[in-house]
Amino acid sequence: MPGSALGLVAFFTTASLVAGVASTWVVGPRRPRAAVAPAITAFVVLYLVGHRSEWSFGPTVRLFGFHVALAFDVAVTVAAAAFAAVAQRVLLEIARRERQPGSGT
């Protein structure tokens, strides 16, 4: 893989990590481990939308030698991380309610 492609992958990996951490900070729980699922989800969705499907909306910029719809890609990353963080929060709430004594089950 050429260095420019590695640079682009590193950029979007970092963007996914930042989006994952930010989404868990906003939605909760505020633990480092909680950012893993939203960050991975953001990266996978970005890979599927940006690379596999080649969807591209809005203006493109040249980044590491590639034409990238940066605003669209970042929006997809943030939306995917936020969705995963909310889903994670809901699942954690359900699990906590089921573990509590006297939950009726």
PDB file of N, CA and C in Angstrom:
ATOM      1  N   MET A   1       0.851  -1.171   0.000  1.00  0.00           N
ATOM      2  CA  MET A   1       0.000   0.000   0.000  1.00  0.00           C
ATOM      3  C   MET A   1       0.898   1.236   0.000  1.00  0.00           C
ATOM      4  N   PRO A   2       0.640   2.156  -0.910  1.00  0.00           N
ATOM      5  CA  PRO A   2       1.467   3.369  -0.963  1.00  0.00           C
ATOM      6  C   PRO A   2       1.301   4.228   0.299  1.00  0.00           C
ATOM      7  N   GLY A   3       2.311   5.025   0.549  1.00  0.00           N
ATOM      8  CA  GLY A   3       2.304   5.883   1.731  1.00  0.00           C
ATOM      9  C   GLY A   3       1.141   6.849   1.770  1.00  0.00           C
ATOM     10  N   SER A   4       0.718   7.344   0.603  1.00  0.00           N
ATOM     11  CA  SER A   4      -0.408   8.278   0.584  1.00  0.00           C
ATOM     12  C   SER A   4      -1.693   7.580   1.014  1.00  0.00           C
ATOM     13  N   ALA A   5      -1.866   6.317   0.628  1.00  0.00           N
ATOM     14  CA  ALA A   5      -3.052   5.562   1.052  1.00  0.00           C
ATOM     15  C   ALA A   5      -2.998   5.302   2.555  1.00  0.00           C
ATOM     16  N   LEU A   6      -1.826   5.002   3.074  1.00  0.00           N
ATOM     17  CA  LEU A   6      -1.685   4.817   4.519  1.00  0.00           C
ATOM     18  C   LEU A   6      -2.010   6.100   5.275  1.00  0.00           C
ATOM     19  N   GLY A   7      -1.595   7.225   4.718  1.00  0.00           N
ATOM     20  CA  GLY A   7      -1.914   8.512   5.326  1.00  0.00           C
ATOM     21  C   GLY A   7      -3.408   8.761   5.378  1.00  0.00           C
ATOM     22  N   LEU A   8      -4.105   8.417   4.298  1.00  0.00           N
ATOM     23  CA  LEU A   8      -5.556   8.594   4.253  1.00  0.00           C
ATOM     24  C   LEU A   8      -6.245   7.662   5.247  1.00  0.00           C
ATOM     25  N   VAL A   9      -5.802   6.408   5.321  1.00  0.00           N
ATOM     26  CA  VAL A   9      -6.373   5.458   6.279  1.00  0.00           C
ATOM     27  C   VAL A   9      -6.107   5.941   7.705  1.00  0.00           C
ATOM     28  N   ALA A  10      -4.911   6.424   7.976  1.00  0.00           N
ATOM     29  CA  ALA A  10      -4.586   6.935   9.311  1.00  0.00           C
ATOM     30  C   ALA A  10      -5.445   8.141   9.659  1.00  0.00           C
ATOM     31  N   PHE A  11      -5.680   9.013   8.684  1.00  0.00           N
ATOM     32  CA  PHE A  11      -6.524  10.188   8.925  1.00  0.00           C
ATOM     33  C   PHE A  11      -7.938   9.771   9.309  1.00  0.00           C
ATOM     34  N   PHE A  12      -8.521   8.849   8.538  1.00  0.00           N
ATOM     35  CA  PHE A  12      -9.893   8.445   8.813  1.00  0.00           C
ATOM     36  C   PHE A  12      -9.996   7.547  10.047  1.00  0.00           C
ATOM     37  N   THR A  13      -8.934   6.822  10.367  1.00  0.00           N
ATOM     38  CA  THR A  13      -8.917   6.067  11.618  1.00  0.00           C
ATOM     39  C   THR A  13      -8.932   7.031  12.799  1.00  0.00           C
ATOM     40  N   THR A  14      -8.134   8.072  12.707  1.00  0.00           N
ATOM     41  CA  THR A  14      -8.109   9.081  13.761  1.00  0.00           C
ATOM     42  C   THR A  14      -9.446   9.790  13.866  1.00  0.00           C
ATOM     43  N   ALA A  15     -10.055  10.118  12.735  1.00  0.00           N
ATOM     44  CA  ALA A  15     -11.372  10.768  12.748  1.00  0.00           C
ATOM     45  C   ALA A  15     -12.410   9.859  13.397  1.00  0.00           C
ATOM     46  N   SER A  16     -12.343   8.564  13.124  1.00  0.00           N
ATOM     47  CA  SER A  16     -13.281   7.613  13.732  1.00  0.00           C
ATOM     48  C   SER A  16     -13.072   7.515  15.236  1.00  0.00           C
ATOM     49  N   LEU A  17     -11.823   7.488  15.662  1.00  0.00           N
ATOM     50  CA  LEU A  17     -11.527   7.437  17.100  1.00  0.00           C
ATOM     51  C   LEU A  17     -12.029   8.688  17.812  1.00  0.00           C
ATOM     52  N   VAL A  18     -11.780   9.835  17.218  1.00  0.00           N
ATOM     53  CA  VAL A  18     -12.237  11.095  17.818  1.00  0.00           C
ATOM     54  C   VAL A  18     -13.762  11.135  17.879  1.00  0.00           C
ATOM     55  N   ALA A  19     -14.418  10.705  16.805  1.00  0.00           N
ATOM     56  CA  ALA A  19     -15.881  10.679  16.797  1.00  0.00           C
ATOM     57  C   ALA A  19     -16.417   9.702  17.836  1.00  0.00           C
ATOM     58  N   GLY A  20     -15.772   8.553  17.992  1.00  0.00           N
ATOM     59  CA  GLY A  20     -16.197   7.575  18.990  1.00  0.00           C
ATOM     60  C   GLY A  20     -16.052   8.094  20.408  1.00  0.00           C
ATOM     61  N   VAL A  21     -14.922   8.704  20.700  1.00  0.00           N
ATOM     62  CA  VAL A  21     -14.697   9.264  22.039  1.00  0.00           C
ATOM     63  C   VAL A  21     -15.663  10.409  22.310  1.00  0.00           C
ATOM     64  N   ALA A  22     -15.847  11.289  21.336  1.00  0.00           N
ATOM     65  CA  ALA A  22     -16.753  12.424  21.521  1.00  0.00           C
ATOM     66  C   ALA A  22     -18.198  11.967  21.716  1.00  0.00           C
ATOM     67  N   SER A  23     -18.611  10.969  20.952  1.00  0.00           N
ATOM     68  CA  SER A  23     -19.999  10.516  21.080  1.00  0.00           C
ATOM     69  C   SER A  23     -20.250   9.851  22.432  1.00  0.00           C
ATOM     70  N   THR A  24     -19.287   9.091  22.934  1.00  0.00           N
ATOM     71  CA  THR A  24     -19.482   8.493  24.257  1.00  0.00           C
ATOM     72  C   THR A  24     -19.382   9.538  25.358  1.00  0.00           C
ATOM     73  N   TRP A  25     -18.633  10.595  25.124  1.00  0.00           N
ATOM     74  CA  TRP A  25     -18.560  11.663  26.111  1.00  0.00           C
ATOM     75  C   TRP A  25     -19.900  12.385  26.206  1.00  0.00           C
ATOM     76  N   VAL A  26     -20.568  12.561  25.072  1.00  0.00           N
ATOM     77  CA  VAL A  26     -21.860  13.244  25.061  1.00  0.00           C
ATOM     78  C   VAL A  26     -22.974  12.317  25.552  1.00  0.00           C
ATOM     79  N   VAL A  27     -23.011  11.097  25.035  1.00  0.00           N
ATOM     80  CA  VAL A  27     -24.104  10.171  25.325  1.00  0.00           C
ATOM     81  C   VAL A  27     -23.860   9.398  26.610  1.00  0.00           C
ATOM     82  N   GLY A  28     -22.626   8.999  26.844  1.00  0.00           N
ATOM     83  CA  GLY A  28     -22.288   8.210  28.013  1.00  0.00           C
ATOM     84  C   GLY A  28     -22.247   6.738  27.677  1.00  0.00           C
ATOM     85  N   PRO A  29     -21.749   5.907  28.489  1.00  0.00           N
ATOM     86  CA  PRO A  29     -21.032   6.196  29.725  1.00  0.00           C
ATOM     87  C   PRO A  29     -19.637   6.748  29.429  1.00  0.00           C
ATOM     88  N   ARG A  30     -19.148   7.547  30.318  1.00  0.00           N
ATOM     89  CA  ARG A  30     -17.857   8.200  30.106  1.00  0.00           C
ATOM     90  C   ARG A  30     -16.711   7.344  30.626  1.00  0.00           C
ATOM     91  N   ARG A  31     -16.511   6.237  29.933  1.00  0.00           N
ATOM     92  CA  ARG A  31     -15.408   5.330  30.228  1.00  0.00           C
ATOM     93  C   ARG A  31     -14.633   5.099  28.945  1.00  0.00           C
ATOM     94  N   PRO A  32     -13.320   4.952  29.022  1.00  0.00           N
ATOM     95  CA  PRO A  32     -12.537   4.739  27.795  1.00  0.00           C
ATOM     96  C   PRO A  32     -12.982   3.529  26.997  1.00  0.00           C
ATOM     97  N   ARG A  33     -13.351   2.440  27.672  1.00  0.00           N
ATOM     98  CA  ARG A  33     -13.781   1.238  26.949  1.00  0.00           C
ATOM     99  C   ARG A  33     -15.065   1.469  26.175  1.00  0.00           C
ATOM    100  N   ALA A  34     -15.892   2.396  26.613  1.00  0.00           N
ATOM    101  CA  ALA A  34     -17.175   2.641  25.953  1.00  0.00           C
ATOM    102  C   ALA A  34     -17.002   3.245  24.563  1.00  0.00           C
ATOM    103  N   ALA A  35     -15.851   3.834  24.283  1.00  0.00           N
ATOM    104  CA  ALA A  35     -15.622   4.459  22.979  1.00  0.00           C
ATOM    105  C   ALA A  35     -15.241   3.465  21.895  1.00  0.00           C
ATOM    106  N   VAL A  36     -14.966   2.228  22.273  1.00  0.00           N
ATOM    107  CA  VAL A  36     -14.497   1.236  21.295  1.00  0.00           C
ATOM    108  C   VAL A  36     -15.565   0.933  20.255  1.00  0.00           C
ATOM    109  N   ALA A  37     -16.769   0.582  20.690  1.00  0.00           N
ATOM    110  CA  ALA A  37     -17.831   0.210  19.739  1.00  0.00           C
ATOM    111  C   ALA A  37     -18.216   1.364  18.806  1.00  0.00           C
ATOM    112  N   PRO A  38     -18.426   2.593  19.312  1.00  0.00           N
ATOM    113  CA  PRO A  38     -18.742   3.684  18.391  1.00  0.00           C
ATOM    114  C   PRO A  38     -17.607   3.998  17.405  1.00  0.00           C
ATOM    115  N   ALA A  39     -16.366   3.895  17.857  1.00  0.00           N
ATOM    116  CA  ALA A  39     -15.244   4.179  16.955  1.00  0.00           C
ATOM    117  C   ALA A  39     -15.144   3.125  15.860  1.00  0.00           C
ATOM    118  N   ILE A  40     -15.291   1.863  16.225  1.00  0.00           N
ATOM    119  CA  ILE A  40     -15.236   0.795  15.219  1.00  0.00           C
ATOM    120  C   ILE A  40     -16.411   0.912  14.257  1.00  0.00           C
ATOM    121  N   THR A  41     -17.592   1.197  14.786  1.00  0.00           N
ATOM    122  CA  THR A  41     -18.766   1.375  13.931  1.00  0.00           C
ATOM    123  C   THR A  41     -18.552   2.519  12.959  1.00  0.00           C
ATOM    124  N   ALA A  42     -18.020   3.627  13.447  1.00  0.00           N
ATOM    125  CA  ALA A  42     -17.772   4.780  12.577  1.00  0.00           C
ATOM    126  C   ALA A  42     -16.796   4.422  11.468  1.00  0.00           C
ATOM    127  N   PHE A  43     -15.746   3.694  11.803  1.00  0.00           N
ATOM    128  CA  PHE A  43     -14.758   3.333  10.787  1.00  0.00           C
ATOM    129  C   PHE A  43     -15.343   2.377   9.760  1.00  0.00           C
ATOM    130  N   VAL A  44     -16.086   1.375  10.215  1.00  0.00           N
ATOM    131  CA  VAL A  44     -16.672   0.400   9.286  1.00  0.00           C
ATOM    132  C   VAL A  44     -17.683   1.067   8.362  1.00  0.00           C
ATOM    133  N   VAL A  45     -18.548   1.914   8.919  1.00  0.00           N
ATOM    134  CA  VAL A  45     -19.534   2.609   8.084  1.00  0.00           C
ATOM    135  C   VAL A  45     -18.834   3.542   7.099  1.00  0.00           C
ATOM    136  N   LEU A  46     -17.812   4.228   7.557  1.00  0.00           N
ATOM    137  CA  LEU A  46     -17.062   5.092   6.655  1.00  0.00           C
ATOM    138  C   LEU A  46     -16.409   4.291   5.542  1.00  0.00           C
ATOM    139  N   TYR A  47     -15.868   3.142   5.861  1.00  0.00           N
ATOM    140  CA  TYR A  47     -15.273   2.266   4.854  1.00  0.00           C
ATOM    141  C   TYR A  47     -16.323   1.807   3.845  1.00  0.00           C
ATOM    142  N   LEU A  48     -17.475   1.370   4.350  1.00  0.00           N
ATOM    143  CA  LEU A  48     -18.527   0.879   3.459  1.00  0.00           C
ATOM    144  C   LEU A  48     -19.111   1.981   2.586  1.00  0.00           C
ATOM    145  N   VAL A  49     -19.350   3.141   3.166  1.00  0.00           N
ATOM    146  CA  VAL A  49     -19.955   4.242   2.409  1.00  0.00           C
ATOM    147  C   VAL A  49     -18.931   4.927   1.519  1.00  0.00           C
ATOM    148  N   GLY A  50     -17.784   5.248   2.085  1.00  0.00           N
ATOM    149  CA  GLY A  50     -16.809   6.026   1.337  1.00  0.00           C
ATOM    150  C   GLY A  50     -15.974   5.237   0.354  1.00  0.00           C
ATOM    151  N   HIS A  51     -15.665   4.003   0.705  1.00  0.00           N
ATOM    152  CA  HIS A  51     -14.748   3.236  -0.139  1.00  0.00           C
ATOM    153  C   HIS A  51     -15.476   2.215  -1.004  1.00  0.00           C
ATOM    154  N   ARG A  52     -16.324   1.425  -0.400  1.00  0.00           N
ATOM    155  CA  ARG A  52     -16.990   0.355  -1.137  1.00  0.00           C
ATOM    156  C   ARG A  52     -18.084   0.867  -2.068  1.00  0.00           C
ATOM    157  N   SER A  53     -18.965   1.708  -1.540  1.00  0.00           N
ATOM    158  CA  SER A  53     -20.079   2.165  -2.367  1.00  0.00           C
ATOM    159  C   SER A  53     -19.686   3.356  -3.235  1.00  0.00           C
ATOM    160  N   GLU A  54     -18.613   4.022  -2.869  1.00  0.00           N
ATOM    161  CA  GLU A  54     -18.104   5.195  -3.581  1.00  0.00           C
ATOM    162  C   GLU A  54     -19.120   6.326  -3.661  1.00  0.00           C
ATOM    163  N   TRP A  55     -19.987   6.418  -2.646  1.00  0.00           N
ATOM    164  CA  TRP A  55     -20.884   7.563  -2.569  1.00  0.00           C
ATOM    165  C   TRP A  55     -20.058   8.794  -2.264  1.00  0.00           C
ATOM    166  N   SER A  56     -20.413   9.882  -2.885  1.00  0.00           N
ATOM    167  CA  SER A  56     -19.687  11.111  -2.663  1.00  0.00           C
ATOM    168  C   SER A  56     -20.633  12.282  -2.893  1.00  0.00           C
ATOM    169  N   PHE A  57     -20.967  12.967  -1.827  1.00  0.00           N
ATOM    170  CA  PHE A  57     -21.841  14.126  -1.924  1.00  0.00           C
ATOM    171  C   PHE A  57     -21.078  15.360  -1.488  1.00  0.00           C
ATOM    172  N   GLY A  58     -21.303  16.440  -2.174  1.00  0.00           N
ATOM    173  CA  GLY A  58     -20.669  17.692  -1.806  1.00  0.00           C
ATOM    174  C   GLY A  58     -19.321  17.877  -2.476  1.00  0.00           C
ATOM    175  N   PRO A  59     -18.694  18.974  -2.144  1.00  0.00           N
ATOM    176  CA  PRO A  59     -17.403  19.282  -2.765  1.00  0.00           C
ATOM    177  C   PRO A  59     -16.313  18.325  -2.294  1.00  0.00           C
ATOM    178  N   THR A  60     -15.337  18.127  -3.147  1.00  0.00           N
ATOM    179  CA  THR A  60     -14.212  17.264  -2.799  1.00  0.00           C
ATOM    180  C   THR A  60     -12.959  18.100  -2.593  1.00  0.00           C
ATOM    181  N   VAL A  61     -12.085  17.572  -1.776  1.00  0.00           N
ATOM    182  CA  VAL A  61     -10.779  18.196  -1.558  1.00  0.00           C
ATOM    183  C   VAL A  61      -9.722  17.139  -1.845  1.00  0.00           C
ATOM    184  N   ARG A  62      -8.542  17.593  -2.135  1.00  0.00           N
ATOM    185  CA  ARG A  62      -7.444  16.671  -2.386  1.00  0.00           C
ATOM    186  C   ARG A  62      -6.741  16.411  -1.050  1.00  0.00           C
ATOM    187  N   LEU A  63      -6.753  15.149  -0.620  1.00  0.00           N
ATOM    188  CA  LEU A  63      -6.188  14.764   0.670  1.00  0.00           C
ATOM    189  C   LEU A  63      -5.295  13.556   0.450  1.00  0.00           C
ATOM    190  N   PHE A  64      -3.998  13.719   0.705  1.00  0.00           N
ATOM    191  CA  PHE A  64      -3.014  12.652   0.502  1.00  0.00           C
ATOM    192  C   PHE A  64      -3.045  12.109  -0.923  1.00  0.00           C
ATOM    193  N   GLY A  65      -3.332  12.983  -1.870  1.00  0.00           N
ATOM    194  CA  GLY A  65      -3.333  12.583  -3.272  1.00  0.00           C
ATOM    195  C   GLY A  65      -4.643  11.989  -3.762  1.00  0.00           C
ATOM    196  N   PHE A  66      -5.665  11.957  -2.925  1.00  0.00           N
ATOM    197  CA  PHE A  66      -6.963  11.408  -3.299  1.00  0.00           C
ATOM    198  C   PHE A  66      -8.015  12.511  -3.252  1.00  0.00           C
ATOM    199  N   HIS A  67      -9.013  12.412  -4.111  1.00  0.00           N
ATOM    200  CA  HIS A  67     -10.149  13.333  -4.055  1.00  0.00           C
ATOM    201  C   HIS A  67     -11.145  12.765  -3.055  1.00  0.00           C
ATOM    202  N   VAL A  68     -11.422  13.532  -1.997  1.00  0.00           N
ATOM    203  CA  VAL A  68     -12.245  13.061  -0.891  1.00  0.00           C
ATOM    204  C   VAL A  68     -13.343  14.088  -0.627  1.00  0.00           C
ATOM    205  N   ALA A  69     -14.568  13.613  -0.495  1.00  0.00           N
ATOM    206  CA  ALA A  69     -15.677  14.474  -0.074  1.00  0.00           C
ATOM    207  C   ALA A  69     -15.603  14.573   1.450  1.00  0.00           C
ATOM    208  N   LEU A  70     -14.732  15.428   1.930  1.00  0.00           N
ATOM    209  CA  LEU A  70     -14.371  15.454   3.339  1.00  0.00           C
ATOM    210  C   LEU A  70     -15.556  15.771   4.249  1.00  0.00           C
ATOM    211  N   ALA A  71     -16.353  16.772   3.893  1.00  0.00           N
ATOM    212  CA  ALA A  71     -17.490  17.132   4.746  1.00  0.00           C
ATOM    213  C   ALA A  71     -18.469  15.969   4.857  1.00  0.00           C
ATOM    214  N   PHE A  72     -18.756  15.302   3.751  1.00  0.00           N
ATOM    215  CA  PHE A  72     -19.666  14.163   3.761  1.00  0.00           C
ATOM    216  C   PHE A  72     -19.083  13.014   4.577  1.00  0.00           C
ATOM    217  N   ASP A  73     -17.821  12.722   4.374  1.00  0.00           N
ATOM    218  CA  ASP A  73     -17.188  11.614   5.092  1.00  0.00           C
ATOM    219  C   ASP A  73     -17.149  11.861   6.591  1.00  0.00           C
ATOM    220  N   VAL A  74     -16.844  13.076   6.990  1.00  0.00           N
ATOM    221  CA  VAL A  74     -16.825  13.393   8.420  1.00  0.00           C
ATOM    222  C   VAL A  74     -18.235  13.332   8.998  1.00  0.00           C
ATOM    223  N   ALA A  75     -19.230  13.803   8.244  1.00  0.00           N
ATOM    224  CA  ALA A  75     -20.617  13.726   8.710  1.00  0.00           C
ATOM    225  C   ALA A  75     -21.060  12.279   8.884  1.00  0.00           C
ATOM    226  N   VAL A  76     -20.688  11.410   7.951  1.00  0.00           N
ATOM    227  CA  VAL A  76     -21.016   9.985   8.060  1.00  0.00           C
ATOM    228  C   VAL A  76     -20.338   9.385   9.285  1.00  0.00           C
ATOM    229  N   THR A  77     -19.093   9.742   9.513  1.00  0.00           N
ATOM    230  CA  THR A  77     -18.350   9.235  10.662  1.00  0.00           C
ATOM    231  C   THR A  77     -19.010   9.641  11.973  1.00  0.00           C
ATOM    232  N   VAL A  78     -19.357  10.906  12.092  1.00  0.00           N
ATOM    233  CA  VAL A  78     -19.975  11.406  13.320  1.00  0.00           C
ATOM    234  C   VAL A  78     -21.360  10.780  13.527  1.00  0.00           C
ATOM    235  N   ALA A  79     -22.144  10.680  12.459  1.00  0.00           N
ATOM    236  CA  ALA A  79     -23.483  10.095  12.574  1.00  0.00           C
ATOM    237  C   ALA A  79     -23.415   8.629  12.985  1.00  0.00           C
ATOM    238  N   ALA A  80     -22.499   7.880  12.400  1.00  0.00           N
ATOM    239  CA  ALA A  80     -22.364   6.457  12.749  1.00  0.00           C
ATOM    240  C   ALA A  80     -21.913   6.291  14.191  1.00  0.00           C
ATOM    241  N   ALA A  81     -20.969   7.096  14.634  1.00  0.00           N
ATOM    242  CA  ALA A  81     -20.494   7.010  16.018  1.00  0.00           C
ATOM    243  C   ALA A  81     -21.606   7.394  16.993  1.00  0.00           C
ATOM    244  N   ALA A  82     -22.372   8.423  16.659  1.00  0.00           N
ATOM    245  CA  ALA A  82     -23.472   8.842  17.531  1.00  0.00           C
ATOM    246  C   ALA A  82     -24.541   7.754  17.616  1.00  0.00           C
ATOM    247  N   PHE A  83     -24.887   7.153  16.492  1.00  0.00           N
ATOM    248  CA  PHE A  83     -25.873   6.083  16.477  1.00  0.00           C
ATOM    249  C   PHE A  83     -25.401   4.903  17.331  1.00  0.00           C
ATOM    250  N   ALA A  84     -24.152   4.523  17.176  1.00  0.00           N
ATOM    251  CA  ALA A  84     -23.608   3.401  17.950  1.00  0.00           C
ATOM    252  C   ALA A  84     -23.563   3.727  19.441  1.00  0.00           C
ATOM    253  N   ALA A  85     -23.236   4.961  19.776  1.00  0.00           N
ATOM    254  CA  ALA A  85     -23.184   5.348  21.188  1.00  0.00           C
ATOM    255  C   ALA A  85     -24.570   5.321  21.821  1.00  0.00           C
ATOM    256  N   VAL A  86     -25.571   5.792  21.089  1.00  0.00           N
ATOM    257  CA  VAL A  86     -26.938   5.764  21.612  1.00  0.00           C
ATOM    258  C   VAL A  86     -27.415   4.317  21.759  1.00  0.00           C
ATOM    259  N   ALA A  87     -27.154   3.492  20.760  1.00  0.00           N
ATOM    260  CA  ALA A  87     -27.547   2.082  20.841  1.00  0.00           C
ATOM    261  C   ALA A  87     -26.849   1.391  22.006  1.00  0.00           C
ATOM    262  N   GLN A  88     -25.581   1.681  22.193  1.00  0.00           N
ATOM    263  CA  GLN A  88     -24.826   1.104  23.307  1.00  0.00           C
ATOM    264  C   GLN A  88     -25.410   1.538  24.637  1.00  0.00           C
ATOM    265  N   ARG A  89     -25.762   2.805  24.736  1.00  0.00           N
ATOM    266  CA  ARG A  89     -26.343   3.337  25.975  1.00  0.00           C
ATOM    267  C   ARG A  89     -27.666   2.639  26.300  1.00  0.00           C
ATOM    268  N   VAL A  90     -28.500   2.471  25.288  1.00  0.00           N
ATOM    269  CA  VAL A  90     -29.788   1.800  25.481  1.00  0.00           C
ATOM    270  C   VAL A  90     -29.574   0.358  25.934  1.00  0.00           C
ATOM    271  N   LEU A  91     -28.671  -0.358  25.288  1.00  0.00           N
ATOM    272  CA  LEU A  91     -28.405  -1.742  25.662  1.00  0.00           C
ATOM    273  C   LEU A  91     -27.846  -1.846  27.078  1.00  0.00           C
ATOM    274  N   LEU A  92     -26.990  -0.917  27.462  1.00  0.00           N
ATOM    275  CA  LEU A  92     -26.449  -0.923  28.824  1.00  0.00           C
ATOM    276  C   LEU A  92     -27.537  -0.638  29.859  1.00  0.00           C
ATOM    277  N   GLU A  93     -28.462   0.249  29.537  1.00  0.00           N
ATOM    278  CA  GLU A  93     -29.578   0.543  30.444  1.00  0.00           C
ATOM    279  C   GLU A  93     -30.471  -0.686  30.606  1.00  0.00           C
ATOM    280  N   ILE A  94     -30.751  -1.365  29.524  1.00  0.00           N
ATOM    281  CA  ILE A  94     -31.574  -2.583  29.587  1.00  0.00           C
ATOM    282  C   ILE A  94     -30.870  -3.640  30.427  1.00  0.00           C
ATOM    283  N   ALA A  95     -29.583  -3.835  30.213  1.00  0.00           N
ATOM    284  CA  ALA A  95     -28.828  -4.829  30.976  1.00  0.00           C
ATOM    285  C   ALA A  95     -28.788  -4.466  32.461  1.00  0.00           C
ATOM    286  N   ARG A  96     -28.649  -3.201  32.773  1.00  0.00           N
ATOM    287  CA  ARG A  96     -28.595  -2.782  34.175  1.00  0.00           C
ATOM    288  C   ARG A  96     -29.942  -3.001  34.855  1.00  0.00           C
ATOM    289  N   ARG A  97     -31.032  -2.716  34.144  1.00  0.00           N
ATOM    290  CA  ARG A  97     -32.366  -2.933  34.736  1.00  0.00           C
ATOM    291  C   ARG A  97     -32.619  -4.412  34.985  1.00  0.00           C
ATOM    292  N   GLU A  98     -32.153  -5.280  34.127  1.00  0.00           N
ATOM    293  CA  GLU A  98     -32.370  -6.710  34.296  1.00  0.00           C
ATOM    294  C   GLU A  98     -31.534  -7.278  35.435  1.00  0.00           C
ATOM    295  N   ARG A  99     -30.398  -6.666  35.735  1.00  0.00           N
ATOM    296  CA  ARG A  99     -29.539  -7.140  36.824  1.00  0.00           C
ATOM    297  C   ARG A  99     -30.015  -6.679  38.187  1.00  0.00           C
ATOM    298  N   GLN A 100     -30.807  -5.617  38.247  1.00  0.00           N
ATOM    299  CA  GLN A 100     -31.247  -5.089  39.532  1.00  0.00           C
ATOM    300  C   GLN A 100     -32.191  -6.060  40.236  1.00  0.00           C
ATOM    301  N   PRO A 101     -32.016  -6.222  41.546  1.00  0.00           N
ATOM    302  CA  PRO A 101     -32.918  -7.096  42.280  1.00  0.00           C
ATOM    303  C   PRO A 101     -34.335  -6.504  42.292  1.00  0.00           C
ATOM    304  N   GLY A 102     -35.323  -7.387  42.213  1.00  0.00           N
ATOM    305  CA  GLY A 102     -36.713  -6.946  42.233  1.00  0.00           C
ATOM    306  C   GLY A 102     -37.174  -6.393  40.906  1.00  0.00           C
ATOM    307  N   SER A 103     -36.504  -6.802  39.808  1.00  0.00           N
ATOM    308  CA  SER A 103     -36.888  -6.278  38.496  1.00  0.00           C
ATOM    309  C   SER A 103     -38.129  -6.948  37.950  1.00  0.00           C
ATOM    310  N   GLY A 104     -38.622  -7.963  38.657  1.00  0.00           N
ATOM    311  CA  GLY A 104     -39.861  -8.605  38.246  1.00  0.00           C
ATOM    312  C   GLY A 104     -39.674  -9.808  37.366  1.00  0.00           C
ATOM    313  N   THR A 105     -38.447 -10.206  37.101  1.00  0.00           N
ATOM    314  CA  THR A 105     -38.219 -11.388  36.259  1.00  0.00           C
ATOM    315  C   THR A 105     -37.589 -12.494  37.029  1.00  0.00           C
TER     316      THR A 105
END
